[in-house]
PDB file of all heavy atoms in Angstrom:
ATOM      1  N   GLN A   1      89.771  74.023 104.972  1.00  0.00           N
ATOM      2  CA  GLN A   1      88.605  73.710 105.538  1.00  0.00           C
ATOM      3  C   GLN A   1      88.826  73.417 106.887  1.00  0.00           C
ATOM      4  O   GLN A   1      89.629  72.501 107.352  1.00  0.00           O
ATOM      5  CB  GLN A   1      87.821  72.397 104.890  1.00  0.00           C
ATOM      6  CG  GLN A   1      86.467  72.188 105.448  1.00  0.00           C
ATOM      7  CD  GLN A   1      85.732  71.179 104.573  1.00  0.00           C
ATOM      8  OE1 GLN A   1      86.356  70.491 103.736  1.00  0.00           O
ATOM      9  NE2 GLN A   1      84.335  71.171 104.703  1.00  0.00           N
ATOM     10  N   ALA A   2      88.135  74.237 107.821  1.00  0.00           N
ATOM     11  CA  ALA A   2      88.317  74.151 109.248  1.00  0.00           C
ATOM     12  C   ALA A   2      87.123  73.330 109.825  1.00  0.00           C
ATOM     13  O   ALA A   2      86.027  73.188 108.986  1.00  0.00           O
ATOM     14  CB  ALA A   2      88.178  75.527 109.929  1.00  0.00           C
ATOM     15  N   PRO A   3      87.294  72.677 110.922  1.00  0.00           N
ATOM     16  CA  PRO A   3      86.177  71.744 111.400  1.00  0.00           C
ATOM     17  C   PRO A   3      84.754  72.630 111.560  1.00  0.00           C
ATOM     18  O   PRO A   3      84.746  73.709 112.014  1.00  0.00           O
ATOM     19  CB  PRO A   3      86.708  71.503 112.895  1.00  0.00           C
ATOM     20  CG  PRO A   3      88.183  71.444 112.665  1.00  0.00           C
ATOM     21  CD  PRO A   3      88.415  72.670 111.744  1.00  0.00           C
ATOM     22  N   GLY A   4      83.759  71.962 110.983  1.00  0.00           N
ATOM     23  CA  GLY A   4      82.518  72.595 111.025  1.00  0.00           C
ATOM     24  C   GLY A   4      82.235  73.745 109.925  1.00  0.00           C
ATOM     25  O   GLY A   4      81.194  74.360 110.095  1.00  0.00           O
ATOM     26  N   LYS A   5      83.197  74.013 109.176  1.00  0.00           N
ATOM     27  CA  LYS A   5      83.083  75.091 108.220  1.00  0.00           C
ATOM     28  C   LYS A   5      83.142  74.475 106.875  1.00  0.00           C
ATOM     29  O   LYS A   5      83.742  73.472 106.698  1.00  0.00           O
ATOM     30  CB  LYS A   5      84.220  76.157 108.466  1.00  0.00           C
ATOM     31  CG  LYS A   5      84.033  76.909 109.857  1.00  0.00           C
ATOM     32  CD  LYS A   5      84.947  77.983 109.921  1.00  0.00           C
ATOM     33  CE  LYS A   5      84.786  78.766 111.343  1.00  0.00           C
ATOM     34  NZ  LYS A   5      85.784  79.918 111.314  1.00  0.00           N
ATOM     35  N   GLU A   6      82.681  75.412 105.903  1.00  0.00           N
ATOM     36  CA  GLU A   6      82.837  75.009 104.478  1.00  0.00           C
ATOM     37  C   GLU A   6      84.335  75.235 103.914  1.00  0.00           C
ATOM     38  O   GLU A   6      85.031  76.026 104.533  1.00  0.00           O
ATOM     39  CB  GLU A   6      81.823  75.796 103.712  1.00  0.00           C
ATOM     40  CG  GLU A   6      80.344  75.583 104.003  1.00  0.00           C
ATOM     41  CD  GLU A   6      79.492  76.307 102.980  1.00  0.00           C
ATOM     42  OE1 GLU A   6      79.900  77.125 102.304  1.00  0.00           O
ATOM     43  OE2 GLU A   6      78.200  76.063 103.052  1.00  0.00           O
ATOM     44  N   ARG A   7      84.524  74.516 102.909  1.00  0.00           N
ATOM     45  CA  ARG A   7      85.881  74.812 102.243  1.00  0.00           C
ATOM     46  C   ARG A   7      85.847  76.088 101.688  1.00  0.00           C
ATOM     47  O   ARG A   7      84.934  76.542 100.993  1.00  0.00           O
ATOM     48  CB  ARG A   7      86.037  73.666 101.240  1.00  0.00           C
ATOM     49  CG  ARG A   7      87.353  73.624 100.671  1.00  0.00           C
ATOM     50  CD  ARG A   7      87.645  72.325  99.736  1.00  0.00           C
ATOM     51  NE  ARG A   7      87.439  71.157 100.581  1.00  0.00           N
ATOM     52  CZ  ARG A   7      87.703  69.925 100.112  1.00  0.00           C
ATOM     53  NH1 ARG A   7      88.199  69.731  98.919  1.00  0.00           N
ATOM     54  NH2 ARG A   7      87.452  68.936 100.875  1.00  0.00           N
ATOM     55  N   GLU A   8      86.990  76.826 101.893  1.00  0.00           N
ATOM     56  CA  GLU A   8      87.104  78.221 101.389  1.00  0.00           C
ATOM     57  C   GLU A   8      88.329  78.401 100.550  1.00  0.00           C
ATOM     58  O   GLU A   8      89.358  77.765 100.882  1.00  0.00           O
ATOM     59  CB  GLU A   8      87.060  79.219 102.587  1.00  0.00           C
ATOM     60  CG  GLU A   8      88.292  79.023 103.570  1.00  0.00           C
ATOM     61  CD  GLU A   8      88.034  80.036 104.736  1.00  0.00           C
ATOM     62  OE1 GLU A   8      87.132  80.823 104.804  1.00  0.00           O
ATOM     63  OE2 GLU A   8      88.990  79.958 105.568  1.00  0.00           O
ATOM     64  N   PHE A   9      88.267  79.341  99.750  1.00  0.00           N
ATOM     65  CA  PHE A   9      89.381  79.560  98.795  1.00  0.00           C
ATOM     66  C   PHE A   9      90.475  80.424  99.571  1.00  0.00           C
ATOM     67  O   PHE A   9      90.125  81.240 100.383  1.00  0.00           O
ATOM     68  CB  PHE A   9      88.834  80.450  97.573  1.00  0.00           C
ATOM     69  CG  PHE A   9      89.965  81.089  96.850  1.00  0.00           C
ATOM     70  CD1 PHE A   9      90.710  80.442  95.825  1.00  0.00           C
ATOM     71  CD2 PHE A   9      90.206  82.511  97.050  1.00  0.00           C
ATOM     72  CE1 PHE A   9      91.679  81.023  95.138  1.00  0.00           C
ATOM     73  CE2 PHE A   9      91.320  83.124  96.312  1.00  0.00           C
ATOM     74  CZ  PHE A   9      91.985  82.315  95.367  1.00  0.00           C
ATOM     75  N   VAL A  10      91.764  80.119  99.250  1.00  0.00           N
ATOM     76  CA  VAL A  10      92.741  80.743  99.864  1.00  0.00           C
ATOM     77  C   VAL A  10      93.671  81.565  98.874  1.00  0.00           C
ATOM     78  O   VAL A  10      94.003  82.800  99.068  1.00  0.00           O
ATOM     79  CB  VAL A  10      93.696  79.809 100.702  1.00  0.00           C
ATOM     80  CG1 VAL A  10      94.922  80.529 101.231  1.00  0.00           C
ATOM     81  CG2 VAL A  10      92.893  79.112 101.838  1.00  0.00           C
ATOM     82  N   SER A  11      94.019  80.887  97.720  1.00  0.00           N
ATOM     83  CA  SER A  11      94.947  81.478  96.798  1.00  0.00           C
ATOM     84  C   SER A  11      94.927  80.646  95.522  1.00  0.00           C
ATOM     85  O   SER A  11      94.503  79.520  95.519  1.00  0.00           O
ATOM     86  CB  SER A  11      96.407  81.461  97.450  1.00  0.00           C
ATOM     87  OG  SER A  11      97.245  82.178  96.509  1.00  0.00           O
ATOM     88  N   ALA A  12      95.297  81.322  94.401  1.00  0.00           N
ATOM     89  CA  ALA A  12      95.274  80.722  93.058  1.00  0.00           C
ATOM     90  C   ALA A  12      96.485  81.185  92.324  1.00  0.00           C
ATOM     91  O   ALA A  12      96.946  82.342  92.549  1.00  0.00           O
ATOM     92  CB  ALA A  12      94.022  80.969  92.421  1.00  0.00           C
ATOM     93  N   ILE A  13      96.905  80.381  91.348  1.00  0.00           N
ATOM     94  CA  ILE A  13      98.067  80.698  90.465  1.00  0.00           C
ATOM     95  C   ILE A  13      97.699  80.188  89.102  1.00  0.00           C
ATOM     96  O   ILE A  13      97.129  79.019  88.920  1.00  0.00           O
ATOM     97  CB  ILE A  13      99.439  80.271  91.097  1.00  0.00           C
ATOM     98  CG1 ILE A  13     100.438  80.777  90.233  1.00  0.00           C
ATOM     99  CG2 ILE A  13      99.378  78.711  91.058  1.00  0.00           C
ATOM    100  CD1 ILE A  13     101.936  80.517  90.961  1.00  0.00           C
ATOM    101  N   SER A  14      98.030  80.881  88.103  1.00  0.00           N
ATOM    102  CA  SER A  14      97.792  80.502  86.761  1.00  0.00           C
ATOM    103  C   SER A  14      98.855  79.426  86.321  1.00  0.00           C
ATOM    104  O   SER A  14      99.796  79.177  87.023  1.00  0.00           O
ATOM    105  CB  SER A  14      97.957  81.691  85.869  1.00  0.00           C
ATOM    106  OG  SER A  14      99.237  82.338  85.791  1.00  0.00           O
ATOM    107  N   GLY A  15      98.647  78.835  85.188  1.00  0.00           N
ATOM    108  CA  GLY A  15      99.455  77.703  84.734  1.00  0.00           C
ATOM    109  C   GLY A  15     100.916  78.134  84.562  1.00  0.00           C
ATOM    110  O   GLY A  15     101.891  77.529  84.847  1.00  0.00           O
ATOM    111  N   SER A  16     101.136  79.425  84.028  1.00  0.00           N
ATOM    112  CA  SER A  16     102.409  79.995  83.807  1.00  0.00           C
ATOM    113  C   SER A  16     103.148  80.457  85.076  1.00  0.00           C
ATOM    114  O   SER A  16     104.280  80.660  85.153  1.00  0.00           O
ATOM    115  CB  SER A  16     102.364  81.035  82.779  1.00  0.00           C
ATOM    116  OG  SER A  16     101.715  82.143  83.311  1.00  0.00           O
ATOM    117  N   GLY A  17     102.282  80.782  86.033  1.00  0.00           N
ATOM    118  CA  GLY A  17     102.713  81.377  87.290  1.00  0.00           C
ATOM    119  C   GLY A  17     102.673  82.958  87.253  1.00  0.00           C
ATOM    120  O   GLY A  17     103.055  83.486  88.195  1.00  0.00           O
ATOM    121  N   ALA A  18     102.365  83.365  86.103  1.00  0.00           N
ATOM    122  CA  ALA A  18     102.349  84.822  85.957  1.00  0.00           C
ATOM    123  C   ALA A  18     101.282  85.605  86.760  1.00  0.00           C
ATOM    124  O   ALA A  18     101.399  86.724  87.168  1.00  0.00           O
ATOM    125  CB  ALA A  18     102.313  85.265  84.504  1.00  0.00           C
ATOM    126  N   ARG A  19     100.295  85.004  87.056  1.00  0.00           N
ATOM    127  CA  ARG A  19      99.151  85.601  87.760  1.00  0.00           C
ATOM    128  C   ARG A  19      98.822  84.796  88.926  1.00  0.00           C
ATOM    129  O   ARG A  19      98.747  83.558  89.058  1.00  0.00           O
ATOM    130  CB  ARG A  19      97.776  85.641  86.863  1.00  0.00           C
ATOM    131  CG  ARG A  19      97.920  86.307  85.580  1.00  0.00           C
ATOM    132  CD  ARG A  19      96.709  86.353  84.745  1.00  0.00           C
ATOM    133  NE  ARG A  19      95.662  87.116  85.498  1.00  0.00           N
ATOM    134  CZ  ARG A  19      94.368  87.041  85.256  1.00  0.00           C
ATOM    135  NH1 ARG A  19      93.923  86.349  84.188  1.00  0.00           N
ATOM    136  NH2 ARG A  19      93.516  87.826  85.860  1.00  0.00           N
ATOM    137  N   THR A  20      98.606  85.648  90.062  1.00  0.00           N
ATOM    138  CA  THR A  20      98.191  85.033  91.316  1.00  0.00           C
ATOM    139  C   THR A  20      97.025  85.797  92.012  1.00  0.00           C
ATOM    140  O   THR A  20      96.825  86.962  91.504  1.00  0.00           O
ATOM    141  CB  THR A  20      99.369  85.067  92.368  1.00  0.00           C
ATOM    142  OG1 THR A  20      99.881  86.391  92.560  1.00  0.00           O
ATOM    143  CG2 THR A  20     100.582  84.215  91.803  1.00  0.00           C
ATOM    144  N   SER A  21      96.414  85.331  92.936  1.00  0.00           N
ATOM    145  CA  SER A  21      95.354  85.884  93.630  1.00  0.00           C
ATOM    146  C   SER A  21      95.282  85.342  95.055  1.00  0.00           C
ATOM    147  O   SER A  21      95.602  84.138  95.336  1.00  0.00           O
ATOM    148  CB  SER A  21      94.011  85.789  92.925  1.00  0.00           C
ATOM    149  OG  SER A  21      92.943  86.358  93.618  1.00  0.00           O
ATOM    150  N   TYR A  22      94.671  86.205  96.062  1.00  0.00           N
ATOM    151  CA  TYR A  22      94.705  85.707  97.340  1.00  0.00           C
ATOM    152  C   TYR A  22      93.318  86.357  97.941  1.00  0.00           C
ATOM    153  O   TYR A  22      92.856  87.273  97.631  1.00  0.00           O
ATOM    154  CB  TYR A  22      95.781  86.338  98.248  1.00  0.00           C
ATOM    155  CG  TYR A  22      97.110  86.105  97.735  1.00  0.00           C
ATOM    156  CD1 TYR A  22      97.832  86.797  96.743  1.00  0.00           C
ATOM    157  CD2 TYR A  22      97.766  84.842  98.162  1.00  0.00           C
ATOM    158  CE1 TYR A  22      99.033  86.446  96.405  1.00  0.00           C
ATOM    159  CE2 TYR A  22      99.115  84.535  97.777  1.00  0.00           C
ATOM    160  CZ  TYR A  22      99.693  85.411  96.764  1.00  0.00           C
ATOM    161  OH  TYR A  22     100.977  84.971  96.342  1.00  0.00           O
ATOM    162  N   VAL A  23      92.761  85.494  98.892  1.00  0.00           N
ATOM    163  CA  VAL A  23      91.655  85.943  99.667  1.00  0.00           C
ATOM    164  C   VAL A  23      92.087  87.069 100.646  1.00  0.00           C
ATOM    165  O   VAL A  23      93.380  87.074 100.952  1.00  0.00           O
ATOM    166  CB  VAL A  23      90.914  84.791 100.406  1.00  0.00           C
ATOM    167  CG1 VAL A  23      91.876  84.250 101.479  1.00  0.00           C
ATOM    168  CG2 VAL A  23      89.575  85.264 100.890  1.00  0.00           C
ATOM    169  N   ASN A  24      91.281  87.982 100.936  1.00  0.00           N
ATOM    170  CA  ASN A  24      91.661  89.185 101.731  1.00  0.00           C
ATOM    171  C   ASN A  24      92.446  88.777 103.031  1.00  0.00           C
ATOM    172  O   ASN A  24      93.476  89.481 103.460  1.00  0.00           O
ATOM    173  CB  ASN A  24      90.553  90.073 101.995  1.00  0.00           C
ATOM    174  CG  ASN A  24      90.079  90.919 100.786  1.00  0.00           C
ATOM    175  OD1 ASN A  24      90.892  90.991  99.951  1.00  0.00           O
ATOM    176  ND2 ASN A  24      88.826  91.380 100.848  1.00  0.00           N
ATOM    177  N   PHE A  25      91.909  87.777 103.749  1.00  0.00           N
ATOM    178  CA  PHE A  25      92.467  87.598 105.099  1.00  0.00           C
ATOM    179  C   PHE A  25      93.801  86.806 105.068  1.00  0.00           C
ATOM    180  O   PHE A  25      94.370  86.669 106.112  1.00  0.00           O
ATOM    181  CB  PHE A  25      91.475  86.716 105.964  1.00  0.00           C
ATOM    182  CG  PHE A  25      90.967  85.416 105.347  1.00  0.00           C
ATOM    183  CD1 PHE A  25      91.811  84.340 105.168  1.00  0.00           C
ATOM    184  CD2 PHE A  25      89.728  85.287 104.760  1.00  0.00           C
ATOM    185  CE1 PHE A  25      91.324  83.136 104.696  1.00  0.00           C
ATOM    186  CE2 PHE A  25      89.264  84.085 104.208  1.00  0.00           C
ATOM    187  CZ  PHE A  25      90.051  83.039 104.123  1.00  0.00           C
ATOM    188  N   VAL A  26      94.426  86.604 103.876  1.00  0.00           N
ATOM    189  CA  VAL A  26      95.747  86.041 103.842  1.00  0.00           C
ATOM    190  C   VAL A  26      96.699  87.074 103.121  1.00  0.00           C
ATOM    191  O   VAL A  26      97.936  86.763 103.037  1.00  0.00           O
ATOM    192  CB  VAL A  26      95.919  84.649 103.208  1.00  0.00           C
ATOM    193  CG1 VAL A  26      94.903  83.680 104.049  1.00  0.00           C
ATOM    194  CG2 VAL A  26      95.619  84.663 101.736  1.00  0.00           C
ATOM    195  N   LYS A  27      96.189  88.201 102.488  1.00  0.00           N
ATOM    196  CA  LYS A  27      96.953  89.035 101.633  1.00  0.00           C
ATOM    197  C   LYS A  27      98.121  89.622 102.591  1.00  0.00           C
ATOM    198  O   LYS A  27      97.807  90.012 103.773  1.00  0.00           O
ATOM    199  CB  LYS A  27      96.097  90.043 101.079  1.00  0.00           C
ATOM    200  CG  LYS A  27      95.326  89.603  99.890  1.00  0.00           C
ATOM    201  CD  LYS A  27      94.636  90.853  99.288  1.00  0.00           C
ATOM    202  CE  LYS A  27      93.849  90.429  98.052  1.00  0.00           C
ATOM    203  NZ  LYS A  27      93.085  91.546  97.462  1.00  0.00           N
ATOM    204  N   GLY A  28      99.312  89.605 102.118  1.00  0.00           N
ATOM    205  CA  GLY A  28     100.457  90.060 102.851  1.00  0.00           C
ATOM    206  C   GLY A  28     101.044  89.007 103.792  1.00  0.00           C
ATOM    207  O   GLY A  28     102.115  89.305 104.307  1.00  0.00           O
ATOM    208  N   ARG A  29     100.419  87.890 103.959  1.00  0.00           N
ATOM    209  CA  ARG A  29     100.956  86.955 104.850  1.00  0.00           C
ATOM    210  C   ARG A  29     101.325  85.679 104.078  1.00  0.00           C
ATOM    211  O   ARG A  29     102.223  85.011 104.359  1.00  0.00           O
ATOM    212  CB  ARG A  29      99.944  86.521 105.956  1.00  0.00           C
ATOM    213  CG  ARG A  29      99.435  87.637 106.886  1.00  0.00           C
ATOM    214  CD  ARG A  29      98.732  87.150 108.034  1.00  0.00           C
ATOM    215  NE  ARG A  29      97.475  86.524 107.657  1.00  0.00           N
ATOM    216  CZ  ARG A  29      97.164  85.328 108.069  1.00  0.00           C
ATOM    217  NH1 ARG A  29      97.934  84.533 108.848  1.00  0.00           N
ATOM    218  NH2 ARG A  29      96.005  84.670 107.770  1.00  0.00           N
ATOM    219  N   PHE A  30     100.518  85.295 103.018  1.00  0.00           N
ATOM    220  CA  PHE A  30     100.705  84.056 102.316  1.00  0.00           C
ATOM    221  C   PHE A  30     101.229  84.447 100.915  1.00  0.00           C
ATOM    222  O   PHE A  30     100.800  85.504 100.365  1.00  0.00           O
ATOM    223  CB  PHE A  30      99.501  83.369 102.162  1.00  0.00           C
ATOM    224  CG  PHE A  30      98.819  82.684 103.522  1.00  0.00           C
ATOM    225  CD1 PHE A  30      99.436  83.027 104.556  1.00  0.00           C
ATOM    226  CD2 PHE A  30      97.866  81.781 103.384  1.00  0.00           C
ATOM    227  CE1 PHE A  30      98.906  82.386 105.829  1.00  0.00           C
ATOM    228  CE2 PHE A  30      97.288  81.154 104.461  1.00  0.00           C
ATOM    229  CZ  PHE A  30      97.832  81.529 105.719  1.00  0.00           C
ATOM    230  N   THR A  31     101.974  83.461 100.296  1.00  0.00           N
ATOM    231  CA  THR A  31     102.573  83.803  99.010  1.00  0.00           C
ATOM    232  C   THR A  31     102.495  82.353  98.257  1.00  0.00           C
ATOM    233  O   THR A  31     102.987  81.398  98.657  1.00  0.00           O
ATOM    234  CB  THR A  31     103.971  84.239  99.062  1.00  0.00           C
ATOM    235  OG1 THR A  31     104.094  85.484  99.735  1.00  0.00           O
ATOM    236  CG2 THR A  31     104.543  84.515  97.472  1.00  0.00           C
ATOM    237  N   ILE A  32     101.873  82.427  97.061  1.00  0.00           N
ATOM    238  CA  ILE A  32     101.785  81.250  96.274  1.00  0.00           C
ATOM    239  C   ILE A  32     102.810  81.312  95.209  1.00  0.00           C
ATOM    240  O   ILE A  32     102.997  82.356  94.617  1.00  0.00           O
ATOM    241  CB  ILE A  32     100.410  81.121  95.638  1.00  0.00           C
ATOM    242  CG1 ILE A  32     100.176  79.677  95.116  1.00  0.00           C
ATOM    243  CG2 ILE A  32      99.986  82.226  94.724  1.00  0.00           C
ATOM    244  CD1 ILE A  32      98.741  79.430  94.656  1.00  0.00           C
ATOM    245  N   SER A  33     103.375  80.181  94.818  1.00  0.00           N
ATOM    246  CA  SER A  33     104.419  80.260  93.690  1.00  0.00           C
ATOM    247  C   SER A  33     104.470  78.792  93.145  1.00  0.00           C
ATOM    248  O   SER A  33     103.858  77.915  93.725  1.00  0.00           O
ATOM    249  CB  SER A  33     105.839  80.564  94.276  1.00  0.00           C
ATOM    250  OG  SER A  33     106.222  79.742  95.274  1.00  0.00           O
ATOM    251  N   ARG A  34     105.116  78.730  92.100  1.00  0.00           N
ATOM    252  CA  ARG A  34     105.272  77.317  91.452  1.00  0.00           C
ATOM    253  C   ARG A  34     106.659  77.178  90.788  1.00  0.00           C
ATOM    254  O   ARG A  34     107.223  78.114  90.389  1.00  0.00           O
ATOM    255  CB  ARG A  34     104.156  77.043  90.407  1.00  0.00           C
ATOM    256  CG  ARG A  34     104.108  77.926  89.192  1.00  0.00           C
ATOM    257  CD  ARG A  34     102.863  77.729  88.333  1.00  0.00           C
ATOM    258  NE  ARG A  34     102.553  76.329  88.121  1.00  0.00           N
ATOM    259  CZ  ARG A  34     101.338  75.843  87.837  1.00  0.00           C
ATOM    260  NH1 ARG A  34     100.261  76.615  87.768  1.00  0.00           N
ATOM    261  NH2 ARG A  34     101.136  74.594  87.614  1.00  0.00           N
ATOM    262  N   ASP A  35     106.998  75.906  90.731  1.00  0.00           N
ATOM    263  CA  ASP A  35     108.378  75.568  90.262  1.00  0.00           C
ATOM    264  C   ASP A  35     108.105  74.524  89.237  1.00  0.00           C
ATOM    265  O   ASP A  35     107.674  73.440  89.383  1.00  0.00           O
ATOM    266  CB  ASP A  35     109.263  75.012  91.352  1.00  0.00           C
ATOM    267  CG  ASP A  35     110.692  74.554  90.893  1.00  0.00           C
ATOM    268  OD1 ASP A  35     110.798  74.284  89.616  1.00  0.00           O
ATOM    269  OD2 ASP A  35     111.601  74.685  91.751  1.00  0.00           O
ATOM    270  N   SER A  36     108.239  75.010  88.008  1.00  0.00           N
ATOM    271  CA  SER A  36     107.798  74.132  86.786  1.00  0.00           C
ATOM    272  C   SER A  36     108.874  73.025  86.671  1.00  0.00           C
ATOM    273  O   SER A  36     108.486  71.927  86.166  1.00  0.00           O
ATOM    274  CB  SER A  36     107.856  74.950  85.490  1.00  0.00           C
ATOM    275  OG  SER A  36     109.170  75.517  85.216  1.00  0.00           O
ATOM    276  N   VAL A  37     110.070  73.137  87.135  1.00  0.00           N
ATOM    277  CA  VAL A  37     111.010  71.934  87.068  1.00  0.00           C
ATOM    278  C   VAL A  37     110.631  70.779  88.079  1.00  0.00           C
ATOM    279  O   VAL A  37     110.699  69.699  87.665  1.00  0.00           O
ATOM    280  CB  VAL A  37     112.490  72.457  87.252  1.00  0.00           C
ATOM    281  CG1 VAL A  37     113.436  71.334  87.376  1.00  0.00           C
ATOM    282  CG2 VAL A  37     112.894  73.441  86.186  1.00  0.00           C
ATOM    283  N   LYS A  38     110.289  71.317  89.256  1.00  0.00           N
ATOM    284  CA  LYS A  38     109.915  70.247  90.376  1.00  0.00           C
ATOM    285  C   LYS A  38     108.306  69.892  90.253  1.00  0.00           C
ATOM    286  O   LYS A  38     107.969  69.094  91.070  1.00  0.00           O
ATOM    287  CB  LYS A  38     110.157  70.866  91.614  1.00  0.00           C
ATOM    288  CG  LYS A  38     111.725  71.179  91.987  1.00  0.00           C
ATOM    289  CD  LYS A  38     112.008  71.656  93.272  1.00  0.00           C
ATOM    290  CE  LYS A  38     113.453  71.757  93.531  1.00  0.00           C
ATOM    291  NZ  LYS A  38     113.780  72.283  94.841  1.00  0.00           N
TER     292      LYS A  38
END
């Protein structure tokens, strides 16, 4: 959420980490991941 703007989706990951998704304006720049141990 930027000042004066609505909260917007950036990225998501499933519980297992097998599936991910990104909004277009971060594709290729952002990477979501998860560490189940940590």
